[in-house]
């Protein structure tokens, strides 16, 4: 994949041109010292992001002596906490402007594999600690930081939190500047409203693409994620076409690469057309965010048992 294609899909490059049609968002360039922190081993948060718990007391049931205990007290074995007051202040200001709730990503990837580590076990960030925990604990973020060209600038993207039904998201496939296919993004569940609005959805997305995106986005081949609702379409993200790391939805990349645009023919649309029950594809469901922020990693290296065990270990460590 060419670096220019990756760059075109980087949030800070497309959002200013398509802000009007996108979910409200802000982005901040990540300073070098924060990048170094994110690349380092271990999971901790800056001093200014740590949520301090109240000091408590208890009575020993053997000696009947009262002890004071602070759950997150200092320890010689604890990892030293860095501090990034300037950058953290900018994140806090953005968080406040969005009403105290956001979801985050870097230029390309969202920390979908790290939801379990956040204080609320989801990707809804309501404080600095959640933001740093997700960025620091995500293998997807780590991969971006390690594999993207050294000349690239990294940005933290904070998007306004919105309640979004997973059945309203669609991935669009553009080849040679033409919309050739559309897929339901939530590819494991049946949604009746999709079946009832097939023509409206396809024609609406096609018209939206031609009117607002086709002559603005620079690439000839790419994917476009949108949220559809009656009378409204919003852009979620862009990604590269044919990249195996990008989900092809209900298509395969080999199918898409062989498709040709035919003038006057609607894009091929695929969706789950019958209720086949709950499929064991995703570990959790969060109705508050786009699907790229709710899919938990399906990598073989970390099964659901691994995740549950990690949560148990964290809880025990806090006791």
C-alpha atoms as a PDB file:
ATOM      1  CA  UNK A   1       0.000   0.000   0.000  1.00  0.00           C
ATOM      2  CA  UNK A   2       1.374   3.404  -0.980  1.00  0.00           C
ATOM      3  CA  UNK A   3       2.079   5.925   1.750  1.00  0.00           C
ATOM      4  CA  UNK A   4       0.010   8.564  -0.062  1.00  0.00           C
ATOM      5  CA  UNK A   5      -3.078   6.329   0.131  1.00  0.00           C
ATOM      6  CA  UNK A   6      -2.615   5.852   3.865  1.00  0.00           C
ATOM      7  CA  UNK A   7      -2.093   9.578   4.290  1.00  0.00           C
ATOM      8  CA  UNK A   8      -5.290  10.477   2.415  1.00  0.00           C
ATOM      9  CA  UNK A   9      -7.290   8.323   4.851  1.00  0.00           C
ATOM     10  CA  UNK A  10      -5.674   9.933   7.888  1.00  0.00           C
ATOM     11  CA  UNK A  11      -8.355  11.811   9.811  1.00  0.00           C
ATOM     12  CA  UNK A  12      -6.661  15.215   9.918  1.00  0.00           C
ATOM     13  CA  UNK A  13      -6.328  15.245   6.126  1.00  0.00           C
ATOM     14  CA  UNK A  14      -9.937  14.541   5.154  1.00  0.00           C
ATOM     15  CA  UNK A  15     -11.980  15.913   8.066  1.00  0.00           C
ATOM     16  CA  UNK A  16     -11.447  19.668   7.427  1.00  0.00           C
ATOM     17  CA  UNK A  17     -12.770  19.243   3.870  1.00  0.00           C
ATOM     18  CA  UNK A  18     -15.771  17.131   4.881  1.00  0.00           C
ATOM     19  CA  UNK A  19     -16.520  18.501   8.339  1.00  0.00           C
ATOM     20  CA  UNK A  20     -20.047  19.538   7.328  1.00  0.00           C
ATOM     21  CA  UNK A  21     -21.017  15.924   6.619  1.00  0.00           C
ATOM     22  CA  UNK A  22     -19.213  14.285   9.544  1.00  0.00           C
ATOM     23  CA  UNK A  23     -19.732  13.659  13.246  1.00  0.00           C
ATOM     24  CA  UNK A  24     -18.384  16.651  15.146  1.00  0.00           C
ATOM     25  CA  UNK A  25     -14.782  16.069  16.145  1.00  0.00           C
ATOM     26  CA  UNK A  26     -11.522  17.696  17.159  1.00  0.00           C
ATOM     27  CA  UNK A  27      -7.962  16.447  16.840  1.00  0.00           C
ATOM     28  CA  UNK A  28      -4.696  17.238  18.583  1.00  0.00           C
ATOM     29  CA  UNK A  29      -1.193  16.445  17.367  1.00  0.00           C
ATOM     30  CA  UNK A  30       0.582  14.039  19.716  1.00  0.00           C
ATOM     31  CA  UNK A  31       3.896  15.483  20.998  1.00  0.00           C
ATOM     32  CA  UNK A  32       7.067  13.409  20.803  1.00  0.00           C
ATOM     33  CA  UNK A  33       7.242  12.808  24.558  1.00  0.00           C
ATOM     34  CA  UNK A  34       3.682  11.453  24.564  1.00  0.00           C
ATOM     35  CA  UNK A  35       4.502   9.211  21.587  1.00  0.00           C
ATOM     36  CA  UNK A  36       7.492   7.862  23.499  1.00  0.00           C
ATOM     37  CA  UNK A  37       5.212   7.173  26.469  1.00  0.00           C
ATOM     38  CA  UNK A  38       2.638   5.373  24.300  1.00  0.00           C
ATOM     39  CA  UNK A  39       5.357   3.217  22.731  1.00  0.00           C
ATOM     40  CA  UNK A  40       6.864   2.223  26.076  1.00  0.00           C
ATOM     41  CA  UNK A  41       6.059  -1.020  27.905  1.00  0.00           C
ATOM     42  CA  UNK A  42       3.547  -1.209  30.714  1.00  0.00           C
ATOM     43  CA  UNK A  43       0.151   0.371  31.238  1.00  0.00           C
ATOM     44  CA  UNK A  44       0.031   3.507  33.349  1.00  0.00           C
ATOM     45  CA  UNK A  45      -1.384   7.002  33.017  1.00  0.00           C
ATOM     46  CA  UNK A  46       0.085  10.470  33.536  1.00  0.00           C
ATOM     47  CA  UNK A  47      -0.129  12.015  36.994  1.00  0.00           C
ATOM     48  CA  UNK A  48      -2.767  14.515  35.907  1.00  0.00           C
ATOM     49  CA  UNK A  49      -4.984  11.733  34.496  1.00  0.00           C
ATOM     50  CA  UNK A  50      -4.984   9.396  37.495  1.00  0.00           C
ATOM     51  CA  UNK A  51      -8.253   9.177  39.408  1.00  0.00           C
ATOM     52  CA  UNK A  52      -7.409   9.030  43.112  1.00  0.00           C
ATOM     53  CA  UNK A  53      -9.656   6.912  45.264  1.00  0.00           C
ATOM     54  CA  UNK A  54     -10.721   7.907  48.752  1.00  0.00           C
ATOM     55  CA  UNK A  55      -8.760   6.789  51.758  1.00  0.00           C
ATOM     56  CA  UNK A  56     -10.676   4.171  53.736  1.00  0.00           C
ATOM     57  CA  UNK A  57     -10.258   2.427  57.080  1.00  0.00           C
ATOM     58  CA  UNK A  58     -11.058  -1.074  58.275  1.00  0.00           C
ATOM     59  CA  UNK A  59     -10.794  -3.151  61.450  1.00  0.00           C
ATOM     60  CA  UNK A  60      -8.583  -6.243  61.432  1.00  0.00           C
ATOM     61  CA  UNK A  61     -10.841  -9.159  62.419  1.00  0.00           C
ATOM     62  CA  UNK A  62      -8.007 -10.820  64.386  1.00  0.00           C
ATOM     63  CA  UNK A  63      -6.297  -7.970  66.237  1.00  0.00           C
ATOM     64  CA  UNK A  64      -9.313  -5.630  66.171  1.00  0.00           C
ATOM     65  CA  UNK A  65      -6.885  -2.859  65.288  1.00  0.00           C
ATOM     66  CA  UNK A  66      -8.058  -0.138  62.917  1.00  0.00           C
ATOM     67  CA  UNK A  67      -5.969   0.298  59.782  1.00  0.00           C
ATOM     68  CA  UNK A  68      -5.971   3.032  57.174  1.00  0.00           C
ATOM     69  CA  UNK A  69      -5.815   1.940  53.566  1.00  0.00           C
ATOM     70  CA  UNK A  70      -5.518   3.841  50.312  1.00  0.00           C
ATOM     71  CA  UNK A  71      -6.173   1.551  47.361  1.00  0.00           C
ATOM     72  CA  UNK A  72      -3.912   3.367  44.943  1.00  0.00           C
ATOM     73  CA  UNK A  73      -1.255   4.415  47.416  1.00  0.00           C
ATOM     74  CA  UNK A  74       2.361   4.847  46.443  1.00  0.00           C
ATOM     75  CA  UNK A  75       4.609   1.823  46.267  1.00  0.00           C
ATOM     76  CA  UNK A  76       8.281   1.398  45.496  1.00  0.00           C
ATOM     77  CA  UNK A  77       7.320  -1.228  42.916  1.00  0.00           C
ATOM     78  CA  UNK A  78       4.903   0.999  41.013  1.00  0.00           C
ATOM     79  CA  UNK A  79       5.817   2.288  37.564  1.00  0.00           C
ATOM     80  CA  UNK A  80       6.764   5.991  37.742  1.00  0.00           C
ATOM     81  CA  UNK A  81       4.043   8.222  36.337  1.00  0.00           C
ATOM     82  CA  UNK A  82       4.960  10.771  33.654  1.00  0.00           C
ATOM     83  CA  UNK A  83       3.206  14.090  33.203  1.00  0.00           C
ATOM     84  CA  UNK A  84       2.113  15.941  30.059  1.00  0.00           C
ATOM     85  CA  UNK A  85       0.289  19.018  31.395  1.00  0.00           C
ATOM     86  CA  UNK A  86       0.032  20.894  28.099  1.00  0.00           C
ATOM     87  CA  UNK A  87      -1.272  17.997  26.021  1.00  0.00           C
ATOM     88  CA  UNK A  88      -3.562  16.739  28.780  1.00  0.00           C
ATOM     89  CA  UNK A  89      -5.021  20.223  29.175  1.00  0.00           C
ATOM     90  CA  UNK A  90      -5.938  20.299  25.476  1.00  0.00           C
ATOM     91  CA  UNK A  91      -7.631  16.901  25.756  1.00  0.00           C
ATOM     92  CA  UNK A  92      -9.572  18.076  28.809  1.00  0.00           C
ATOM     93  CA  UNK A  93     -10.742  21.191  26.987  1.00  0.00           C
ATOM     94  CA  UNK A  94     -11.978  19.133  24.033  1.00  0.00           C
ATOM     95  CA  UNK A  95     -13.709  16.727  26.397  1.00  0.00           C
ATOM     96  CA  UNK A  96     -15.489  19.641  28.059  1.00  0.00           C
ATOM     97  CA  UNK A  97     -16.575  21.144  24.729  1.00  0.00           C
ATOM     98  CA  UNK A  98     -18.203  17.831  23.812  1.00  0.00           C
ATOM     99  CA  UNK A  99     -20.212  17.679  27.018  1.00  0.00           C
ATOM    100  CA  UNK A 100     -17.901  15.339  28.906  1.00  0.00           C
ATOM    101  CA  UNK A 101     -18.242  12.231  26.710  1.00  0.00           C
ATOM    102  CA  UNK A 102     -16.207  11.314  23.630  1.00  0.00           C
ATOM    103  CA  UNK A 103     -14.808   8.342  21.806  1.00  0.00           C
ATOM    104  CA  UNK A 104     -11.263   8.413  20.561  1.00  0.00           C
ATOM    105  CA  UNK A 105      -8.912   7.102  17.915  1.00  0.00           C
ATOM    106  CA  UNK A 106      -5.601   7.975  16.333  1.00  0.00           C
ATOM    107  CA  UNK A 107      -5.280   9.021  12.680  1.00  0.00           C
ATOM    108  CA  UNK A 108      -6.323   5.570  11.455  1.00  0.00           C
ATOM    109  CA  UNK A 109      -7.120   3.112  14.219  1.00  0.00           C
ATOM    110  CA  UNK A 110      -9.431   3.058  17.221  1.00  0.00           C
ATOM    111  CA  UNK A 111      -8.456   1.150  20.395  1.00  0.00           C
ATOM    112  CA  UNK A 112     -11.247  -1.417  20.005  1.00  0.00           C
ATOM    113  CA  UNK A 113      -9.083  -4.147  21.520  1.00  0.00           C
ATOM    114  CA  UNK A 114      -8.614  -2.252  24.785  1.00  0.00           C
ATOM    115  CA  UNK A 115     -12.193  -1.548  25.918  1.00  0.00           C
ATOM    116  CA  UNK A 116     -11.852  -4.003  28.798  1.00  0.00           C
ATOM    117  CA  UNK A 117      -9.077  -1.970  30.388  1.00  0.00           C
ATOM    118  CA  UNK A 118     -11.038   1.289  30.691  1.00  0.00           C
ATOM    119  CA  UNK A 119     -12.599   2.202  34.025  1.00  0.00           C
ATOM    120  CA  UNK A 120     -16.095   1.732  32.597  1.00  0.00           C
ATOM    121  CA  UNK A 121     -15.155  -1.321  30.465  1.00  0.00           C
ATOM    122  CA  UNK A 122     -16.253   0.451  27.293  1.00  0.00           C
ATOM    123  CA  UNK A 123     -14.925   2.939  24.760  1.00  0.00           C
ATOM    124  CA  UNK A 124     -16.957   5.857  26.065  1.00  0.00           C
ATOM    125  CA  UNK A 125     -14.385   8.252  27.504  1.00  0.00           C
ATOM    126  CA  UNK A 126     -15.537  10.670  30.171  1.00  0.00           C
ATOM    127  CA  UNK A 127     -12.159  11.505  31.727  1.00  0.00           C
ATOM    128  CA  UNK A 128      -8.457  11.696  30.929  1.00  0.00           C
ATOM    129  CA  UNK A 129      -7.726   8.371  32.588  1.00  0.00           C
ATOM    130  CA  UNK A 130      -9.977   6.509  30.152  1.00  0.00           C
ATOM    131  CA  UNK A 131      -8.371   8.257  27.175  1.00  0.00           C
ATOM    132  CA  UNK A 132      -4.825   7.389  28.212  1.00  0.00           C
ATOM    133  CA  UNK A 133      -5.703   3.831  29.272  1.00  0.00           C
ATOM    134  CA  UNK A 134      -7.270   3.068  25.899  1.00  0.00           C
ATOM    135  CA  UNK A 135      -4.405   4.564  23.911  1.00  0.00           C
ATOM    136  CA  UNK A 136      -1.747   2.912  26.080  1.00  0.00           C
ATOM    137  CA  UNK A 137      -3.408  -0.506  26.290  1.00  0.00           C
ATOM    138  CA  UNK A 138      -4.297  -1.013  22.630  1.00  0.00           C
ATOM    139  CA  UNK A 139      -2.271  -3.293  20.369  1.00  0.00           C
ATOM    140  CA  UNK A 140      -3.931  -1.660  17.364  1.00  0.00           C
ATOM    141  CA  UNK A 141      -2.662   1.754  18.404  1.00  0.00           C
ATOM    142  CA  UNK A 142       0.746   0.250  19.141  1.00  0.00           C
ATOM    143  CA  UNK A 143       0.877  -1.291  15.658  1.00  0.00           C
ATOM    144  CA  UNK A 144       0.141   2.069  14.040  1.00  0.00           C
ATOM    145  CA  UNK A 145       2.826   3.752  16.113  1.00  0.00           C
ATOM    146  CA  UNK A 146       5.398   1.116  15.162  1.00  0.00           C
ATOM    147  CA  UNK A 147       4.598   0.605  11.471  1.00  0.00           C
ATOM    148  CA  UNK A 148       3.599   3.984  10.066  1.00  0.00           C
ATOM    149  CA  UNK A 149       6.341   5.998   8.384  1.00  0.00           C
ATOM    150  CA  UNK A 150       8.553   7.925  10.762  1.00  0.00           C
ATOM    151  CA  UNK A 151       7.771  11.163   8.921  1.00  0.00           C
ATOM    152  CA  UNK A 152       4.064  10.883   9.715  1.00  0.00           C
ATOM    153  CA  UNK A 153       2.490  13.025  12.396  1.00  0.00           C
ATOM    154  CA  UNK A 154       0.139  11.355  14.852  1.00  0.00           C
ATOM    155  CA  UNK A 155      -3.100  12.893  16.060  1.00  0.00           C
ATOM    156  CA  UNK A 156      -5.547  11.958  18.786  1.00  0.00           C
ATOM    157  CA  UNK A 157      -9.083  12.330  17.453  1.00  0.00           C
ATOM    158  CA  UNK A 158     -11.906  13.062  19.893  1.00  0.00           C
ATOM    159  CA  UNK A 159     -15.393  12.592  18.454  1.00  0.00           C
ATOM    160  CA  UNK A 160     -18.580  13.818  20.026  1.00  0.00           C
ATOM    161  CA  UNK A 161     -20.416  10.942  21.676  1.00  0.00           C
ATOM    162  CA  UNK A 162     -23.676  10.075  19.930  1.00  0.00           C
ATOM    163  CA  UNK A 163     -26.166   7.269  20.371  1.00  0.00           C
ATOM    164  CA  UNK A 164     -25.888   5.320  17.134  1.00  0.00           C
ATOM    165  CA  UNK A 165     -27.808   2.171  16.332  1.00  0.00           C
ATOM    166  CA  UNK A 166     -25.406  -0.459  14.908  1.00  0.00           C
ATOM    167  CA  UNK A 167     -27.882  -1.236  12.123  1.00  0.00           C
ATOM    168  CA  UNK A 168     -27.469   2.260  10.721  1.00  0.00           C
ATOM    169  CA  UNK A 169     -23.831   1.862   9.681  1.00  0.00           C
ATOM    170  CA  UNK A 170     -22.701   0.944   6.205  1.00  0.00           C
ATOM    171  CA  UNK A 171     -19.354   0.448   4.481  1.00  0.00           C
ATOM    172  CA  UNK A 172     -19.158   1.791   0.938  1.00  0.00           C
ATOM    173  CA  UNK A 173     -16.632   0.622  -1.644  1.00  0.00           C
ATOM    174  CA  UNK A 174     -15.371   3.055  -4.261  1.00  0.00           C
ATOM    175  CA  UNK A 175     -13.460   1.900  -7.346  1.00  0.00           C
ATOM    176  CA  UNK A 176     -12.205   4.346  -9.974  1.00  0.00           C
ATOM    177  CA  UNK A 177     -14.188   7.121  -8.298  1.00  0.00           C
ATOM    178  CA  UNK A 178     -17.463   5.171  -8.595  1.00  0.00           C
ATOM    179  CA  UNK A 179     -19.529   3.640  -5.793  1.00  0.00           C
ATOM    180  CA  UNK A 180     -19.687  -0.052  -6.711  1.00  0.00           C
ATOM    181  CA  UNK A 181     -20.902  -1.733  -3.497  1.00  0.00           C
ATOM    182  CA  UNK A 182     -22.413  -1.122  -0.063  1.00  0.00           C
ATOM    183  CA  UNK A 183     -22.367  -3.520   2.894  1.00  0.00           C
ATOM    184  CA  UNK A 184     -24.096  -3.563   6.251  1.00  0.00           C
ATOM    185  CA  UNK A 185     -21.285  -3.043   8.769  1.00  0.00           C
ATOM    186  CA  UNK A 186     -22.843  -4.997  11.609  1.00  0.00           C
ATOM    187  CA  UNK A 187     -22.500  -8.247   9.694  1.00  0.00           C
ATOM    188  CA  UNK A 188     -23.727 -10.549  12.465  1.00  0.00           C
ATOM    189  CA  UNK A 189     -27.261  -9.273  13.113  1.00  0.00           C
ATOM    190  CA  UNK A 190     -30.550  -8.872  11.259  1.00  0.00           C
ATOM    191  CA  UNK A 191     -32.105  -5.403  11.289  1.00  0.00           C
ATOM    192  CA  UNK A 192     -35.655  -5.187   9.980  1.00  0.00           C
ATOM    193  CA  UNK A 193     -35.417  -1.507   9.082  1.00  0.00           C
ATOM    194  CA  UNK A 194     -32.653  -2.278   6.569  1.00  0.00           C
ATOM    195  CA  UNK A 195     -34.822  -4.818   4.787  1.00  0.00           C
ATOM    196  CA  UNK A 196     -37.705  -2.339   4.733  1.00  0.00           C
ATOM    197  CA  UNK A 197     -35.609   0.525   3.335  1.00  0.00           C
ATOM    198  CA  UNK A 198     -33.233  -1.132   0.853  1.00  0.00           C
ATOM    199  CA  UNK A 199     -33.940   1.185  -2.083  1.00  0.00           C
ATOM    200  CA  UNK A 200     -33.985   4.302   0.086  1.00  0.00           C
ATOM    201  CA  UNK A 201     -30.684   3.398   1.741  1.00  0.00           C
ATOM    202  CA  UNK A 202     -28.831   2.601  -1.492  1.00  0.00           C
ATOM    203  CA  UNK A 203     -30.124   5.585  -3.455  1.00  0.00           C
ATOM    204  CA  UNK A 204     -29.552   7.918  -0.508  1.00  0.00           C
ATOM    205  CA  UNK A 205     -25.957   6.803  -0.001  1.00  0.00           C
ATOM    206  CA  UNK A 206     -25.265   6.941  -3.747  1.00  0.00           C
ATOM    207  CA  UNK A 207     -26.653  10.478  -4.049  1.00  0.00           C
ATOM    208  CA  UNK A 208     -24.744  11.568  -0.951  1.00  0.00           C
ATOM    209  CA  UNK A 209     -21.489  10.170  -2.315  1.00  0.00           C
ATOM    210  CA  UNK A 210     -21.882  11.826  -5.712  1.00  0.00           C
ATOM    211  CA  UNK A 211     -22.891  15.189  -4.263  1.00  0.00           C
ATOM    212  CA  UNK A 212     -20.504  15.527  -1.336  1.00  0.00           C
ATOM    213  CA  UNK A 213     -17.578  13.106  -1.494  1.00  0.00           C
ATOM    214  CA  UNK A 214     -16.724  12.046  -5.054  1.00  0.00           C
ATOM    215  CA  UNK A 215     -15.068  15.294  -6.129  1.00  0.00           C
ATOM    216  CA  UNK A 216     -13.538  16.073  -2.732  1.00  0.00           C
ATOM    217  CA  UNK A 217     -11.750  12.937  -1.538  1.00  0.00           C
ATOM    218  CA  UNK A 218      -8.499  12.556  -3.541  1.00  0.00           C
ATOM    219  CA  UNK A 219      -8.177   8.771  -3.986  1.00  0.00           C
ATOM    220  CA  UNK A 220      -9.694   6.763  -6.823  1.00  0.00           C
ATOM    221  CA  UNK A 221     -10.123   3.603  -4.743  1.00  0.00           C
ATOM    222  CA  UNK A 222     -11.105   3.550  -1.072  1.00  0.00           C
ATOM    223  CA  UNK A 223     -13.763   2.621   1.472  1.00  0.00           C
ATOM    224  CA  UNK A 224     -16.164   5.064   3.066  1.00  0.00           C
ATOM    225  CA  UNK A 225     -18.067   4.383   6.298  1.00  0.00           C
ATOM    226  CA  UNK A 226     -21.336   6.228   6.832  1.00  0.00           C
ATOM    227  CA  UNK A 227     -24.244   6.391   9.252  1.00  0.00           C
ATOM    228  CA  UNK A 228     -27.639   6.412   7.546  1.00  0.00           C
ATOM    229  CA  UNK A 229     -30.920   7.577   8.999  1.00  0.00           C
ATOM    230  CA  UNK A 230     -34.019   8.851   7.184  1.00  0.00           C
ATOM    231  CA  UNK A 231     -33.091  12.261   5.811  1.00  0.00           C
ATOM    232  CA  UNK A 232     -29.524  12.258   7.121  1.00  0.00           C
ATOM    233  CA  UNK A 233     -26.157  10.673   6.286  1.00  0.00           C
ATOM    234  CA  UNK A 234     -22.958  11.254   8.253  1.00  0.00           C
ATOM    235  CA  UNK A 235     -19.382  10.272   7.406  1.00  0.00           C
ATOM    236  CA  UNK A 236     -17.589   8.135   9.988  1.00  0.00           C
ATOM    237  CA  UNK A 237     -14.265   7.309   8.354  1.00  0.00           C
ATOM    238  CA  UNK A 238     -12.254   6.485   5.233  1.00  0.00           C
ATOM    239  CA  UNK A 239      -9.954   3.545   4.637  1.00  0.00           C
ATOM    240  CA  UNK A 240      -7.873   1.992   1.901  1.00  0.00           C
ATOM    241  CA  UNK A 241      -9.326  -0.309  -0.753  1.00  0.00           C
ATOM    242  CA  UNK A 242      -8.076  -3.894  -1.045  1.00  0.00           C
ATOM    243  CA  UNK A 243      -6.075  -3.824   2.167  1.00  0.00           C
ATOM    244  CA  UNK A 244      -6.542  -7.168   3.942  1.00  0.00           C
ATOM    245  CA  UNK A 245      -6.445  -5.406   7.302  1.00  0.00           C
ATOM    246  CA  UNK A 246      -9.646  -3.586   6.290  1.00  0.00           C
ATOM    247  CA  UNK A 247     -12.879  -5.537   6.729  1.00  0.00           C
ATOM    248  CA  UNK A 248     -14.734  -6.088   3.443  1.00  0.00           C
ATOM    249  CA  UNK A 249     -18.047  -6.554   5.237  1.00  0.00           C
ATOM    250  CA  UNK A 250     -20.355  -9.051   3.531  1.00  0.00           C
ATOM    251  CA  UNK A 251     -18.135  -9.078   0.444  1.00  0.00           C
ATOM    252  CA  UNK A 252     -14.656 -10.477  -0.147  1.00  0.00           C
ATOM    253  CA  UNK A 253     -11.853  -8.355  -1.513  1.00  0.00           C
ATOM    254  CA  UNK A 254     -11.493 -10.661  -4.505  1.00  0.00           C
ATOM    255  CA  UNK A 255     -15.161 -10.018  -5.380  1.00  0.00           C
ATOM    256  CA  UNK A 256     -14.804  -6.284  -5.006  1.00  0.00           C
ATOM    257  CA  UNK A 257     -11.637  -6.103  -7.070  1.00  0.00           C
ATOM    258  CA  UNK A 258     -13.408  -7.834  -9.959  1.00  0.00           C
ATOM    259  CA  UNK A 259     -16.497  -5.589  -9.895  1.00  0.00           C
ATOM    260  CA  UNK A 260     -17.029  -3.029 -12.634  1.00  0.00           C
ATOM    261  CA  UNK A 261     -19.134   0.094 -12.462  1.00  0.00           C
ATOM    262  CA  UNK A 262     -22.097   0.040 -14.838  1.00  0.00           C
ATOM    263  CA  UNK A 263     -23.729   3.353 -15.695  1.00  0.00           C
ATOM    264  CA  UNK A 264     -27.337   3.498 -14.536  1.00  0.00           C
ATOM    265  CA  UNK A 265     -27.059   0.391 -12.330  1.00  0.00           C
ATOM    266  CA  UNK A 266     -27.288   0.781  -8.550  1.00  0.00           C
ATOM    267  CA  UNK A 267     -24.323  -0.310  -6.405  1.00  0.00           C
ATOM    268  CA  UNK A 268     -24.576  -3.889  -5.173  1.00  0.00           C
ATOM    269  CA  UNK A 269     -26.002  -3.884  -1.648  1.00  0.00           C
ATOM    270  CA  UNK A 270     -25.545  -6.715   0.846  1.00  0.00           C
ATOM    271  CA  UNK A 271     -27.212  -7.033   4.232  1.00  0.00           C
ATOM    272  CA  UNK A 272     -28.428  -9.751   6.599  1.00  0.00           C
ATOM    273  CA  UNK A 273     -31.857 -10.532   5.147  1.00  0.00           C
ATOM    274  CA  UNK A 274     -33.237 -12.846   7.831  1.00  0.00           C
ATOM    275  CA  UNK A 275     -33.068 -13.232  11.574  1.00  0.00           C
ATOM    276  CA  UNK A 276     -30.702 -16.141  12.204  1.00  0.00           C
ATOM    277  CA  UNK A 277     -30.237 -15.461  15.897  1.00  0.00           C
ATOM    278  CA  UNK A 278     -27.348 -13.983  17.813  1.00  0.00           C
ATOM    279  CA  UNK A 279     -24.022 -14.853  16.219  1.00  0.00           C
ATOM    280  CA  UNK A 280     -20.857 -15.325  18.334  1.00  0.00           C
ATOM    281  CA  UNK A 281     -18.889 -12.729  16.418  1.00  0.00           C
ATOM    282  CA  UNK A 282     -18.476  -9.971  18.946  1.00  0.00           C
ATOM    283  CA  UNK A 283     -17.733 -10.105  22.633  1.00  0.00           C
ATOM    284  CA  UNK A 284     -19.782  -7.067  23.541  1.00  0.00           C
ATOM    285  CA  UNK A 285     -22.306  -4.612  22.184  1.00  0.00           C
ATOM    286  CA  UNK A 286     -22.122  -0.881  22.741  1.00  0.00           C
ATOM    287  CA  UNK A 287     -24.970   1.028  21.159  1.00  0.00           C
ATOM    288  CA  UNK A 288     -23.303   4.369  21.750  1.00  0.00           C
ATOM    289  CA  UNK A 289     -20.556   4.366  19.122  1.00  0.00           C
ATOM    290  CA  UNK A 290     -19.707   3.533  15.547  1.00  0.00           C
ATOM    291  CA  UNK A 291     -18.905  -0.128  15.056  1.00  0.00           C
ATOM    292  CA  UNK A 292     -15.208   0.502  14.485  1.00  0.00           C
ATOM    293  CA  UNK A 293     -15.106   1.561  18.129  1.00  0.00           C
ATOM    294  CA  UNK A 294     -17.030  -1.407  19.465  1.00  0.00           C
ATOM    295  CA  UNK A 295     -15.512  -4.443  17.797  1.00  0.00           C
ATOM    296  CA  UNK A 296     -13.302  -6.201  20.301  1.00  0.00           C
ATOM    297  CA  UNK A 297     -10.193  -7.824  18.856  1.00  0.00           C
ATOM    298  CA  UNK A 298     -10.769 -11.313  17.492  1.00  0.00           C
ATOM    299  CA  UNK A 299      -7.067 -12.140  17.312  1.00  0.00           C
ATOM    300  CA  UNK A 300      -6.145 -15.685  18.314  1.00  0.00           C
ATOM    301  CA  UNK A 301      -3.549 -14.386  20.727  1.00  0.00           C
ATOM    302  CA  UNK A 302      -6.209 -13.135  23.112  1.00  0.00           C
ATOM    303  CA  UNK A 303      -9.327 -15.204  23.623  1.00  0.00           C
ATOM    304  CA  UNK A 304     -12.331 -14.191  25.696  1.00  0.00           C
ATOM    305  CA  UNK A 305     -10.947 -16.294  28.539  1.00  0.00           C
ATOM    306  CA  UNK A 306      -7.716 -14.281  28.429  1.00  0.00           C
ATOM    307  CA  UNK A 307      -9.680 -11.045  28.658  1.00  0.00           C
ATOM    308  CA  UNK A 308     -11.839 -12.249  31.536  1.00  0.00           C
ATOM    309  CA  UNK A 309      -8.772 -13.510  33.395  1.00  0.00           C
ATOM    310  CA  UNK A 310      -7.056 -10.156  32.915  1.00  0.00           C
ATOM    311  CA  UNK A 311     -10.063  -8.389  34.393  1.00  0.00           C
ATOM    312  CA  UNK A 312     -10.053 -10.743  37.383  1.00  0.00           C
ATOM    313  CA  UNK A 313      -6.337 -10.109  37.923  1.00  0.00           C
ATOM    314  CA  UNK A 314      -6.893  -6.347  37.867  1.00  0.00           C
ATOM    315  CA  UNK A 315      -9.720  -6.607  40.381  1.00  0.00           C
ATOM    316  CA  UNK A 316      -7.616  -8.774  42.693  1.00  0.00           C
ATOM    317  CA  UNK A 317      -4.729  -6.335  42.492  1.00  0.00           C
ATOM    318  CA  UNK A 318      -7.041  -3.527  43.568  1.00  0.00           C
ATOM    319  CA  UNK A 319      -8.378  -5.445  46.575  1.00  0.00           C
END
